[in-house]
């Protein structure tokens, strides 16, 4: 199983202004900061998931190298792998909660868009909202694909515990796991791409706002 954690995160900003009352840039800064903070738990799960995936892959490869005469060791390692997979799924649920909270926070951008006077800024903020929505949608697709991967992996682990399981059957199930992992990687790529697009749009808007408010 290849690395499937989400690599890219959007960056927050801090804009300081001497103007009285919240400017558009300050309002945007507040929305971004709150959203960034809400994604903190999501970011923290990434390292743990990566480490679990790495160790689980090693366990799987080691188990596949064992013989029928080493069934006790097979059982022990498979149970370790299954426990690891369960832990990854728990982390995924925590990650989903973090992202859902962040998405709710980001809805505050609507007020910033509504209050924007500059037509171009308003349009840019609309594009920012669209891109972030697509980013969160891509995370939903990642989570769904990851859950499917988890189920296939558990099916494979169950087969490894069956002393009557034939090698061709194991190989076929392992192929299904690999194919689903590829599907997961594709959702990861989309998520990371949307994150990069968001950061580029955000930086451009901030630059325009700073010039407008000078």
C-alpha atoms as a PDB file:
ATOM      1  CA  UNK A   1       0.000   0.000   0.000  1.00  0.00           C
ATOM      2  CA  UNK A   2       1.497   3.267  -1.098  1.00  0.00           C
ATOM      3  CA  UNK A   3       1.343   6.493   0.844  1.00  0.00           C
ATOM      4  CA  UNK A   4      -2.177   7.870   0.683  1.00  0.00           C
ATOM      5  CA  UNK A   5      -2.235  10.710   3.181  1.00  0.00           C
ATOM      6  CA  UNK A   6      -3.088  14.189   1.973  1.00  0.00           C
ATOM      7  CA  UNK A   7       0.060  16.221   1.589  1.00  0.00           C
ATOM      8  CA  UNK A   8      -1.049  19.759   0.835  1.00  0.00           C
ATOM      9  CA  UNK A   9      -2.573  22.165   3.332  1.00  0.00           C
ATOM     10  CA  UNK A  10      -3.762  25.672   2.719  1.00  0.00           C
ATOM     11  CA  UNK A  11      -1.812  28.406   4.449  1.00  0.00           C
ATOM     12  CA  UNK A  12      -3.268  31.036   6.690  1.00  0.00           C
ATOM     13  CA  UNK A  13      -2.234  34.688   6.629  1.00  0.00           C
ATOM     14  CA  UNK A  14      -1.959  37.578   9.034  1.00  0.00           C
ATOM     15  CA  UNK A  15      -2.755  41.042   7.745  1.00  0.00           C
ATOM     16  CA  UNK A  16      -2.152  44.044   9.983  1.00  0.00           C
ATOM     17  CA  UNK A  17      -3.997  47.279   9.306  1.00  0.00           C
ATOM     18  CA  UNK A  18      -4.091  50.645  11.023  1.00  0.00           C
ATOM     19  CA  UNK A  19      -7.560  51.448   9.709  1.00  0.00           C
ATOM     20  CA  UNK A  20     -10.492  51.735  12.085  1.00  0.00           C
ATOM     21  CA  UNK A  21     -13.121  49.037  11.693  1.00  0.00           C
ATOM     22  CA  UNK A  22     -12.560  45.699   9.959  1.00  0.00           C
ATOM     23  CA  UNK A  23     -11.384  46.055   6.376  1.00  0.00           C
ATOM     24  CA  UNK A  24     -12.091  43.428   3.705  1.00  0.00           C
ATOM     25  CA  UNK A  25      -8.567  42.079   4.130  1.00  0.00           C
ATOM     26  CA  UNK A  26      -9.037  41.789   7.892  1.00  0.00           C
ATOM     27  CA  UNK A  27     -12.373  40.039   7.469  1.00  0.00           C
ATOM     28  CA  UNK A  28     -10.802  37.615   4.996  1.00  0.00           C
ATOM     29  CA  UNK A  29      -7.904  37.072   7.378  1.00  0.00           C
ATOM     30  CA  UNK A  30     -10.318  36.131  10.172  1.00  0.00           C
ATOM     31  CA  UNK A  31     -12.156  33.624   7.976  1.00  0.00           C
ATOM     32  CA  UNK A  32      -8.912  32.052   6.774  1.00  0.00           C
ATOM     33  CA  UNK A  33      -7.434  31.862  10.261  1.00  0.00           C
ATOM     34  CA  UNK A  34     -10.544  30.255  11.752  1.00  0.00           C
ATOM     35  CA  UNK A  35     -10.702  27.754   8.894  1.00  0.00           C
ATOM     36  CA  UNK A  36      -6.989  26.997   9.142  1.00  0.00           C
ATOM     37  CA  UNK A  37      -7.298  26.448  12.906  1.00  0.00           C
ATOM     38  CA  UNK A  38     -10.283  24.131  12.380  1.00  0.00           C
ATOM     39  CA  UNK A  39      -8.119  21.968  10.093  1.00  0.00           C
ATOM     40  CA  UNK A  40      -5.463  21.575  12.795  1.00  0.00           C
ATOM     41  CA  UNK A  41      -6.659  18.097  13.802  1.00  0.00           C
ATOM     42  CA  UNK A  42      -6.746  17.015  10.157  1.00  0.00           C
ATOM     43  CA  UNK A  43      -3.123  18.081   9.756  1.00  0.00           C
ATOM     44  CA  UNK A  44      -2.097  16.264  12.925  1.00  0.00           C
ATOM     45  CA  UNK A  45      -3.570  12.950  11.752  1.00  0.00           C
ATOM     46  CA  UNK A  46      -1.475  12.893   8.585  1.00  0.00           C
ATOM     47  CA  UNK A  47       1.787  11.821  10.189  1.00  0.00           C
ATOM     48  CA  UNK A  48       0.088   9.132  12.276  1.00  0.00           C
ATOM     49  CA  UNK A  49      -1.728   7.692   9.269  1.00  0.00           C
ATOM     50  CA  UNK A  50       1.439   7.651   7.202  1.00  0.00           C
ATOM     51  CA  UNK A  51       3.348   5.811   9.922  1.00  0.00           C
ATOM     52  CA  UNK A  52       0.563   3.238  10.327  1.00  0.00           C
ATOM     53  CA  UNK A  53       0.404   2.660   6.572  1.00  0.00           C
ATOM     54  CA  UNK A  54       4.164   2.177   6.373  1.00  0.00           C
ATOM     55  CA  UNK A  55       4.253  -0.336   9.243  1.00  0.00           C
ATOM     56  CA  UNK A  56       1.181  -2.138   7.934  1.00  0.00           C
ATOM     57  CA  UNK A  57       2.749  -2.539   4.511  1.00  0.00           C
ATOM     58  CA  UNK A  58       5.821  -4.109   6.104  1.00  0.00           C
ATOM     59  CA  UNK A  59       3.618  -6.470   8.115  1.00  0.00           C
ATOM     60  CA  UNK A  60       1.726  -7.493   4.991  1.00  0.00           C
ATOM     61  CA  UNK A  61       4.885  -8.182   2.980  1.00  0.00           C
ATOM     62  CA  UNK A  62       6.345 -10.164   5.879  1.00  0.00           C
ATOM     63  CA  UNK A  63       3.145 -12.181   6.254  1.00  0.00           C
ATOM     64  CA  UNK A  64       3.005 -13.043   2.562  1.00  0.00           C
ATOM     65  CA  UNK A  65       6.502 -14.480   2.855  1.00  0.00           C
ATOM     66  CA  UNK A  66       5.469 -16.926   5.594  1.00  0.00           C
ATOM     67  CA  UNK A  67       4.525 -20.545   4.911  1.00  0.00           C
ATOM     68  CA  UNK A  68       1.556 -22.646   6.050  1.00  0.00           C
ATOM     69  CA  UNK A  69       3.809 -24.171   8.700  1.00  0.00           C
ATOM     70  CA  UNK A  70       4.138 -20.716  10.262  1.00  0.00           C
ATOM     71  CA  UNK A  71       0.395 -20.211  10.667  1.00  0.00           C
ATOM     72  CA  UNK A  72       0.718 -19.040  14.272  1.00  0.00           C
ATOM     73  CA  UNK A  73       3.004 -16.231  13.161  1.00  0.00           C
ATOM     74  CA  UNK A  74       0.683 -15.457  10.240  1.00  0.00           C
ATOM     75  CA  UNK A  75      -2.229 -15.070  12.637  1.00  0.00           C
ATOM     76  CA  UNK A  76      -0.268 -12.804  14.965  1.00  0.00           C
ATOM     77  CA  UNK A  77       0.899 -10.497  12.173  1.00  0.00           C
ATOM     78  CA  UNK A  78      -2.487 -10.374  10.482  1.00  0.00           C
ATOM     79  CA  UNK A  79      -4.155  -9.387  13.748  1.00  0.00           C
ATOM     80  CA  UNK A  80      -1.585  -6.615  14.120  1.00  0.00           C
ATOM     81  CA  UNK A  81      -2.328  -5.436  10.587  1.00  0.00           C
ATOM     82  CA  UNK A  82      -6.079  -5.509  11.180  1.00  0.00           C
ATOM     83  CA  UNK A  83      -5.697  -3.495  14.374  1.00  0.00           C
ATOM     84  CA  UNK A  84      -3.565  -0.993  12.471  1.00  0.00           C
ATOM     85  CA  UNK A  85      -6.227  -0.689   9.770  1.00  0.00           C
ATOM     86  CA  UNK A  86      -8.889  -0.090  12.435  1.00  0.00           C
ATOM     87  CA  UNK A  87      -6.741   2.646  13.929  1.00  0.00           C
ATOM     88  CA  UNK A  88      -6.346   4.279  10.515  1.00  0.00           C
ATOM     89  CA  UNK A  89     -10.101   4.276  10.045  1.00  0.00           C
ATOM     90  CA  UNK A  90     -10.540   5.961  13.432  1.00  0.00           C
ATOM     91  CA  UNK A  91      -8.036   8.618  12.398  1.00  0.00           C
ATOM     92  CA  UNK A  92      -9.934   9.106   9.154  1.00  0.00           C
ATOM     93  CA  UNK A  93     -13.127   9.782  11.120  1.00  0.00           C
ATOM     94  CA  UNK A  94     -11.292  12.363  13.227  1.00  0.00           C
ATOM     95  CA  UNK A  95      -9.926  13.914  10.048  1.00  0.00           C
ATOM     96  CA  UNK A  96     -13.405  14.082   8.493  1.00  0.00           C
ATOM     97  CA  UNK A  97     -14.787  15.839  11.569  1.00  0.00           C
ATOM     98  CA  UNK A  98     -11.975  18.387  11.409  1.00  0.00           C
ATOM     99  CA  UNK A  99     -12.593  19.089   7.744  1.00  0.00           C
ATOM    100  CA  UNK A 100     -16.360  19.383   8.257  1.00  0.00           C
ATOM    101  CA  UNK A 101     -15.787  21.928  11.016  1.00  0.00           C
ATOM    102  CA  UNK A 102     -13.400  23.848   8.776  1.00  0.00           C
ATOM    103  CA  UNK A 103     -15.927  23.843   5.944  1.00  0.00           C
ATOM    104  CA  UNK A 104     -18.554  25.315   8.263  1.00  0.00           C
ATOM    105  CA  UNK A 105     -16.094  28.023   9.334  1.00  0.00           C
ATOM    106  CA  UNK A 106     -15.315  28.873   5.733  1.00  0.00           C
ATOM    107  CA  UNK A 107     -18.973  29.697   5.067  1.00  0.00           C
ATOM    108  CA  UNK A 108     -18.263  32.987   6.861  1.00  0.00           C
ATOM    109  CA  UNK A 109     -16.640  34.047   3.596  1.00  0.00           C
ATOM    110  CA  UNK A 110     -20.148  34.710   2.235  1.00  0.00           C
ATOM    111  CA  UNK A 111     -20.386  37.810   4.438  1.00  0.00           C
ATOM    112  CA  UNK A 112     -17.033  39.077   3.158  1.00  0.00           C
ATOM    113  CA  UNK A 113     -18.185  38.578  -0.448  1.00  0.00           C
ATOM    114  CA  UNK A 114     -21.453  40.378   0.221  1.00  0.00           C
ATOM    115  CA  UNK A 115     -19.742  43.390   1.771  1.00  0.00           C
ATOM    116  CA  UNK A 116     -17.019  43.726  -0.870  1.00  0.00           C
ATOM    117  CA  UNK A 117     -17.328  46.972  -2.824  1.00  0.00           C
ATOM    118  CA  UNK A 118     -14.850  46.203  -5.590  1.00  0.00           C
ATOM    119  CA  UNK A 119     -16.526  44.116  -8.322  1.00  0.00           C
ATOM    120  CA  UNK A 120     -13.289  42.346  -9.254  1.00  0.00           C
ATOM    121  CA  UNK A 121     -12.532  41.503  -5.621  1.00  0.00           C
ATOM    122  CA  UNK A 122     -16.077  40.196  -5.226  1.00  0.00           C
ATOM    123  CA  UNK A 123     -15.597  37.938  -8.258  1.00  0.00           C
ATOM    124  CA  UNK A 124     -12.207  36.776  -7.010  1.00  0.00           C
ATOM    125  CA  UNK A 125     -13.656  35.932  -3.609  1.00  0.00           C
ATOM    126  CA  UNK A 126     -16.402  33.986  -5.375  1.00  0.00           C
ATOM    127  CA  UNK A 127     -13.736  31.980  -7.204  1.00  0.00           C
ATOM    128  CA  UNK A 128     -11.972  31.405  -3.899  1.00  0.00           C
ATOM    129  CA  UNK A 129     -15.179  30.047  -2.394  1.00  0.00           C
ATOM    130  CA  UNK A 130     -15.760  27.759  -5.382  1.00  0.00           C
ATOM    131  CA  UNK A 131     -12.222  26.372  -5.236  1.00  0.00           C
ATOM    132  CA  UNK A 132     -12.407  25.734  -1.491  1.00  0.00           C
ATOM    133  CA  UNK A 133     -15.774  24.000  -1.918  1.00  0.00           C
ATOM    134  CA  UNK A 134     -14.218  21.786  -4.588  1.00  0.00           C
ATOM    135  CA  UNK A 135     -11.336  21.107  -2.210  1.00  0.00           C
ATOM    136  CA  UNK A 136     -13.665  19.909   0.527  1.00  0.00           C
ATOM    137  CA  UNK A 137     -15.651  17.857  -1.977  1.00  0.00           C
ATOM    138  CA  UNK A 138     -12.438  16.192  -3.106  1.00  0.00           C
ATOM    139  CA  UNK A 139     -11.681  15.331   0.524  1.00  0.00           C
ATOM    140  CA  UNK A 140     -15.094  13.673   0.789  1.00  0.00           C
ATOM    141  CA  UNK A 141     -14.217  11.566  -2.259  1.00  0.00           C
ATOM    142  CA  UNK A 142     -10.843  10.714  -0.720  1.00  0.00           C
ATOM    143  CA  UNK A 143     -12.521   9.578   2.498  1.00  0.00           C
ATOM    144  CA  UNK A 144     -15.019   7.402   0.621  1.00  0.00           C
ATOM    145  CA  UNK A 145     -12.257   5.816  -1.473  1.00  0.00           C
ATOM    146  CA  UNK A 146     -10.136   5.276   1.646  1.00  0.00           C
ATOM    147  CA  UNK A 147     -13.012   3.532   3.424  1.00  0.00           C
ATOM    148  CA  UNK A 148     -13.451   1.222   0.440  1.00  0.00           C
ATOM    149  CA  UNK A 149      -9.730   0.499   0.551  1.00  0.00           C
ATOM    150  CA  UNK A 150      -9.986  -0.314   4.248  1.00  0.00           C
ATOM    151  CA  UNK A 151     -12.797  -2.808   3.611  1.00  0.00           C
ATOM    152  CA  UNK A 152     -10.838  -4.552   0.861  1.00  0.00           C
ATOM    153  CA  UNK A 153      -7.760  -4.749   3.065  1.00  0.00           C
ATOM    154  CA  UNK A 154      -9.791  -6.321   5.864  1.00  0.00           C
ATOM    155  CA  UNK A 155     -11.161  -8.872   3.392  1.00  0.00           C
ATOM    156  CA  UNK A 156      -7.598  -9.705   2.388  1.00  0.00           C
ATOM    157  CA  UNK A 157      -6.526 -10.064   6.013  1.00  0.00           C
ATOM    158  CA  UNK A 158      -9.452 -12.435   6.641  1.00  0.00           C
ATOM    159  CA  UNK A 159      -8.371 -14.553   3.697  1.00  0.00           C
ATOM    160  CA  UNK A 160      -4.829 -14.701   5.056  1.00  0.00           C
ATOM    161  CA  UNK A 161      -6.214 -16.264   8.234  1.00  0.00           C
ATOM    162  CA  UNK A 162      -7.985 -18.972   6.225  1.00  0.00           C
ATOM    163  CA  UNK A 163      -5.672 -21.958   5.967  1.00  0.00           C
ATOM    164  CA  UNK A 164      -7.668 -23.185   2.974  1.00  0.00           C
ATOM    165  CA  UNK A 165      -7.257 -19.969   0.998  1.00  0.00           C
ATOM    166  CA  UNK A 166      -5.474 -20.548  -2.308  1.00  0.00           C
ATOM    167  CA  UNK A 167      -2.633 -18.361  -3.555  1.00  0.00           C
ATOM    168  CA  UNK A 168      -4.482 -17.291  -6.746  1.00  0.00           C
ATOM    169  CA  UNK A 169      -7.397 -16.065  -4.595  1.00  0.00           C
ATOM    170  CA  UNK A 170      -5.039 -14.110  -2.371  1.00  0.00           C
ATOM    171  CA  UNK A 171      -3.311 -12.611  -5.386  1.00  0.00           C
ATOM    172  CA  UNK A 172      -6.648 -11.580  -6.912  1.00  0.00           C
ATOM    173  CA  UNK A 173      -7.738  -9.868  -3.695  1.00  0.00           C
ATOM    174  CA  UNK A 174      -4.342  -8.197  -3.365  1.00  0.00           C
ATOM    175  CA  UNK A 175      -4.809  -6.866  -6.907  1.00  0.00           C
ATOM    176  CA  UNK A 176      -8.179  -5.395  -5.900  1.00  0.00           C
ATOM    177  CA  UNK A 177      -6.488  -3.689  -2.968  1.00  0.00           C
ATOM    178  CA  UNK A 178      -3.797  -2.260  -5.231  1.00  0.00           C
ATOM    179  CA  UNK A 179      -6.355  -1.004  -7.747  1.00  0.00           C
ATOM    180  CA  UNK A 180      -8.333   0.703  -5.011  1.00  0.00           C
ATOM    181  CA  UNK A 181      -5.171   2.211  -3.618  1.00  0.00           C
ATOM    182  CA  UNK A 182      -4.571   3.733  -7.044  1.00  0.00           C
ATOM    183  CA  UNK A 183      -8.066   5.214  -6.877  1.00  0.00           C
ATOM    184  CA  UNK A 184      -7.214   6.676  -3.465  1.00  0.00           C
ATOM    185  CA  UNK A 185      -4.026   8.195  -4.854  1.00  0.00           C
ATOM    186  CA  UNK A 186      -6.051   9.870  -7.602  1.00  0.00           C
ATOM    187  CA  UNK A 187      -8.308  11.554  -5.029  1.00  0.00           C
ATOM    188  CA  UNK A 188      -5.225  12.645  -3.085  1.00  0.00           C
ATOM    189  CA  UNK A 189      -3.812  14.263  -6.224  1.00  0.00           C
ATOM    190  CA  UNK A 190      -7.061  16.163  -6.842  1.00  0.00           C
ATOM    191  CA  UNK A 191      -7.192  17.358  -3.231  1.00  0.00           C
ATOM    192  CA  UNK A 192      -3.608  18.567  -3.314  1.00  0.00           C
ATOM    193  CA  UNK A 193      -4.192  20.302  -6.655  1.00  0.00           C
ATOM    194  CA  UNK A 194      -7.261  22.106  -5.296  1.00  0.00           C
ATOM    195  CA  UNK A 195      -5.284  23.153  -2.225  1.00  0.00           C
ATOM    196  CA  UNK A 196      -2.555  24.645  -4.398  1.00  0.00           C
ATOM    197  CA  UNK A 197      -5.151  26.437  -6.552  1.00  0.00           C
ATOM    198  CA  UNK A 198      -6.758  27.855  -3.421  1.00  0.00           C
ATOM    199  CA  UNK A 199      -3.448  29.139  -2.074  1.00  0.00           C
ATOM    200  CA  UNK A 200      -2.628  30.833  -5.378  1.00  0.00           C
ATOM    201  CA  UNK A 201      -6.038  32.513  -5.555  1.00  0.00           C
ATOM    202  CA  UNK A 202      -5.844  33.551  -1.913  1.00  0.00           C
ATOM    203  CA  UNK A 203      -2.405  35.111  -2.322  1.00  0.00           C
ATOM    204  CA  UNK A 204      -3.547  37.047  -5.394  1.00  0.00           C
ATOM    205  CA  UNK A 205      -6.621  38.396  -3.597  1.00  0.00           C
ATOM    206  CA  UNK A 206      -4.598  39.456  -0.572  1.00  0.00           C
ATOM    207  CA  UNK A 207      -2.179  41.330  -2.804  1.00  0.00           C
ATOM    208  CA  UNK A 208      -5.060  43.175  -4.494  1.00  0.00           C
ATOM    209  CA  UNK A 209      -6.689  44.005  -1.159  1.00  0.00           C
ATOM    210  CA  UNK A 210      -3.457  45.340   0.292  1.00  0.00           C
ATOM    211  CA  UNK A 211      -2.985  47.647  -2.717  1.00  0.00           C
ATOM    212  CA  UNK A 212      -6.608  48.804  -2.552  1.00  0.00           C
ATOM    213  CA  UNK A 213      -6.422  49.577   1.165  1.00  0.00           C
ATOM    214  CA  UNK A 214      -3.121  51.455   1.072  1.00  0.00           C
END
